[in-house]
Amino acid sequence: MTSIEANELLPAERIRRAAVAGDVTQLHRGDKHASEGDRFEIDDVVFEVTTVREERLGDLTDEDARAEGSPDLDAYKERIERTHDVTWDDDDTAVLHRFERVDQDG
């Protein structure tokens, strides 16, 4: 297990706050920013990265979009295009980083 800085994986404060609230449980990034088993902390809440894998954008679902804080896939696509000044291409790939809160009492 390695500790990483939360802002390395979750660069935006809004996303870090949403992770603490339980509204964001994964993030797709252009490159790999963590490995499975890595842990990070936000406001004394510890998270562990559970899944890291490359995925084709065309394979993302509404469930993926909700796990990243968007209401559905269409809204997620619009947010990605606006935020990154790109055009969505189903054949492009991104690296999924899925994480979960670690129970520190157990």
C-alpha atoms as a PDB file:
ATOM      1  CA  MET A   1       0.000   0.000   0.000  1.00  0.00           C
ATOM      2  CA  THR A   2       1.252   3.433  -0.952  1.00  0.00           C
ATOM      3  CA  SER A   3      -0.031   6.791   0.204  1.00  0.00           C
ATOM      4  CA  ILE A   4      -0.650   9.326  -2.544  1.00  0.00           C
ATOM      5  CA  GLU A   5      -1.711  12.954  -2.407  1.00  0.00           C
ATOM      6  CA  ALA A   6      -5.458  13.331  -2.983  1.00  0.00           C
ATOM      7  CA  ASN A   7      -4.948  16.211  -5.404  1.00  0.00           C
ATOM      8  CA  GLU A   8      -2.788  13.989  -7.646  1.00  0.00           C
ATOM      9  CA  LEU A   9      -5.803  11.786  -8.358  1.00  0.00           C
ATOM     10  CA  LEU A  10      -8.610  14.292  -7.737  1.00  0.00           C
ATOM     11  CA  PRO A  11      -7.262  17.633  -9.006  1.00  0.00           C
ATOM     12  CA  ALA A  12     -10.341  19.785  -8.369  1.00  0.00           C
ATOM     13  CA  GLU A  13     -11.473  20.841  -4.898  1.00  0.00           C
ATOM     14  CA  ARG A  14     -15.098  20.318  -6.005  1.00  0.00           C
ATOM     15  CA  ILE A  15     -14.341  16.667  -6.805  1.00  0.00           C
ATOM     16  CA  ARG A  16     -12.525  16.118  -3.495  1.00  0.00           C
ATOM     17  CA  ARG A  17     -15.506  17.557  -1.580  1.00  0.00           C
ATOM     18  CA  ALA A  18     -17.868  15.323  -3.590  1.00  0.00           C
ATOM     19  CA  ALA A  19     -15.720  12.263  -2.762  1.00  0.00           C
ATOM     20  CA  VAL A  20     -15.930  13.019   0.968  1.00  0.00           C
ATOM     21  CA  ALA A  21     -19.721  13.430   0.607  1.00  0.00           C
ATOM     22  CA  GLY A  22     -19.899  10.046  -1.180  1.00  0.00           C
ATOM     23  CA  ASP A  23     -21.138  11.598  -4.440  1.00  0.00           C
ATOM     24  CA  VAL A  24     -17.979  10.761  -6.427  1.00  0.00           C
ATOM     25  CA  THR A  25     -16.534   7.242  -6.207  1.00  0.00           C
ATOM     26  CA  GLN A  26     -14.453   7.122  -9.372  1.00  0.00           C
ATOM     27  CA  LEU A  27     -12.680   9.331 -11.853  1.00  0.00           C
ATOM     28  CA  HIS A  28     -11.450   8.777 -15.389  1.00  0.00           C
ATOM     29  CA  ARG A  29      -8.156  10.477 -16.194  1.00  0.00           C
ATOM     30  CA  GLY A  30      -6.113  10.603 -19.374  1.00  0.00           C
ATOM     31  CA  ASP A  31      -3.221   8.808 -17.669  1.00  0.00           C
ATOM     32  CA  LYS A  32      -2.742   6.470 -14.719  1.00  0.00           C
ATOM     33  CA  HIS A  33      -2.489   8.493 -11.486  1.00  0.00           C
ATOM     34  CA  ALA A  34      -2.696   5.691  -8.904  1.00  0.00           C
ATOM     35  CA  SER A  35      -2.486   1.931  -8.495  1.00  0.00           C
ATOM     36  CA  GLU A  36      -4.910  -0.500  -6.907  1.00  0.00           C
ATOM     37  CA  GLY A  37      -4.343  -0.483  -3.149  1.00  0.00           C
ATOM     38  CA  ASP A  38      -3.046   3.097  -3.024  1.00  0.00           C
ATOM     39  CA  ARG A  39      -4.602   5.216  -0.287  1.00  0.00           C
ATOM     40  CA  PHE A  40      -5.250   8.928  -0.003  1.00  0.00           C
ATOM     41  CA  GLU A  41      -6.795  11.180   2.603  1.00  0.00           C
ATOM     42  CA  ILE A  42      -9.185  14.119   2.377  1.00  0.00           C
ATOM     43  CA  ASP A  43     -10.206  15.949   5.571  1.00  0.00           C
ATOM     44  CA  ASP A  44      -9.232  12.964   7.771  1.00  0.00           C
ATOM     45  CA  VAL A  45     -11.247  10.561   5.575  1.00  0.00           C
ATOM     46  CA  VAL A  46      -9.134   7.751   4.096  1.00  0.00           C
ATOM     47  CA  PHE A  47      -9.888   6.262   0.685  1.00  0.00           C
ATOM     48  CA  GLU A  48      -8.415   3.243  -1.077  1.00  0.00           C
ATOM     49  CA  VAL A  49      -8.124   2.864  -4.837  1.00  0.00           C
ATOM     50  CA  THR A  50      -9.866  -0.406  -5.709  1.00  0.00           C
ATOM     51  CA  THR A  51      -9.782  -0.478  -9.523  1.00  0.00           C
ATOM     52  CA  VAL A  52      -7.432   0.996 -12.102  1.00  0.00           C
ATOM     53  CA  ARG A  53      -7.911   0.085 -15.763  1.00  0.00           C
ATOM     54  CA  GLU A  54      -7.996   1.642 -19.204  1.00  0.00           C
ATOM     55  CA  GLU A  55     -11.467   1.937 -20.702  1.00  0.00           C
ATOM     56  CA  ARG A  56     -12.882   3.036 -24.037  1.00  0.00           C
ATOM     57  CA  LEU A  57     -15.022   6.165 -23.655  1.00  0.00           C
ATOM     58  CA  GLY A  58     -17.751   4.538 -25.750  1.00  0.00           C
ATOM     59  CA  ASP A  59     -18.108   1.851 -23.059  1.00  0.00           C
ATOM     60  CA  LEU A  60     -18.968   4.302 -20.278  1.00  0.00           C
ATOM     61  CA  THR A  61     -22.507   4.174 -18.897  1.00  0.00           C
ATOM     62  CA  ASP A  62     -24.938   6.425 -17.047  1.00  0.00           C
ATOM     63  CA  GLU A  63     -23.789   4.587 -13.886  1.00  0.00           C
ATOM     64  CA  ASP A  64     -20.190   5.651 -14.580  1.00  0.00           C
ATOM     65  CA  ALA A  65     -21.319   9.234 -15.114  1.00  0.00           C
ATOM     66  CA  ARG A  66     -23.228   9.263 -11.801  1.00  0.00           C
ATOM     67  CA  ALA A  67     -20.161   7.807  -9.999  1.00  0.00           C
ATOM     68  CA  GLU A  68     -18.230  10.833 -11.311  1.00  0.00           C
ATOM     69  CA  GLY A  69     -20.817  13.364 -10.142  1.00  0.00           C
ATOM     70  CA  SER A  70     -22.888  13.855 -13.311  1.00  0.00           C
ATOM     71  CA  PRO A  71     -26.602  13.035 -13.570  1.00  0.00           C
ATOM     72  CA  ASP A  72     -26.189  10.970 -16.745  1.00  0.00           C
ATOM     73  CA  LEU A  73     -23.782  10.162 -19.573  1.00  0.00           C
ATOM     74  CA  ASP A  74     -24.927  13.040 -21.799  1.00  0.00           C
ATOM     75  CA  ALA A  75     -24.252  15.567 -19.032  1.00  0.00           C
ATOM     76  CA  TYR A  76     -20.892  13.899 -18.346  1.00  0.00           C
ATOM     77  CA  LYS A  77     -19.885  14.130 -22.015  1.00  0.00           C
ATOM     78  CA  GLU A  78     -20.832  17.823 -22.101  1.00  0.00           C
ATOM     79  CA  ARG A  79     -18.839  18.495 -18.917  1.00  0.00           C
ATOM     80  CA  ILE A  80     -15.745  16.705 -20.264  1.00  0.00           C
ATOM     81  CA  GLU A  81     -15.921  18.549 -23.582  1.00  0.00           C
ATOM     82  CA  ARG A  82     -16.363  21.919 -21.859  1.00  0.00           C
ATOM     83  CA  THR A  83     -13.772  21.361 -19.123  1.00  0.00           C
ATOM     84  CA  HIS A  84     -11.058  19.923 -21.352  1.00  0.00           C
ATOM     85  CA  ASP A  85     -11.885  21.762 -24.611  1.00  0.00           C
ATOM     86  CA  VAL A  86     -12.106  18.487 -26.538  1.00  0.00           C
ATOM     87  CA  THR A  87     -14.623  16.677 -28.694  1.00  0.00           C
ATOM     88  CA  TRP A  88     -15.834  13.396 -27.216  1.00  0.00           C
ATOM     89  CA  ASP A  89     -14.704  10.378 -29.258  1.00  0.00           C
ATOM     90  CA  ASP A  90     -16.102   6.967 -28.272  1.00  0.00           C
ATOM     91  CA  ASP A  91     -12.870   5.325 -29.476  1.00  0.00           C
ATOM     92  CA  ASP A  92     -10.613   7.383 -27.173  1.00  0.00           C
ATOM     93  CA  THR A  93      -9.534   5.767 -23.931  1.00  0.00           C
ATOM     94  CA  ALA A  94      -9.113   6.986 -20.366  1.00  0.00           C
ATOM     95  CA  VAL A  95      -7.925   5.370 -17.157  1.00  0.00           C
ATOM     96  CA  LEU A  96     -10.612   4.523 -14.613  1.00  0.00           C
ATOM     97  CA  HIS A  97      -9.653   5.098 -10.975  1.00  0.00           C
ATOM     98  CA  ARG A  98     -12.355   3.698  -8.663  1.00  0.00           C
ATOM     99  CA  PHE A  99     -12.000   4.252  -4.922  1.00  0.00           C
ATOM    100  CA  GLU A 100     -13.881   3.704  -1.697  1.00  0.00           C
ATOM    101  CA  ARG A 101     -13.859   5.036   1.817  1.00  0.00           C
ATOM    102  CA  VAL A 102     -11.817   2.926   4.266  1.00  0.00           C
ATOM    103  CA  ASP A 103     -13.410   2.064   7.593  1.00  0.00           C
ATOM    104  CA  GLN A 104     -10.704   2.963  10.099  1.00  0.00           C
ATOM    105  CA  ASP A 105     -12.524   1.393  13.046  1.00  0.00           C
ATOM    106  CA  GLY A 106     -12.057  -2.139  11.779  1.00  0.00           C
END
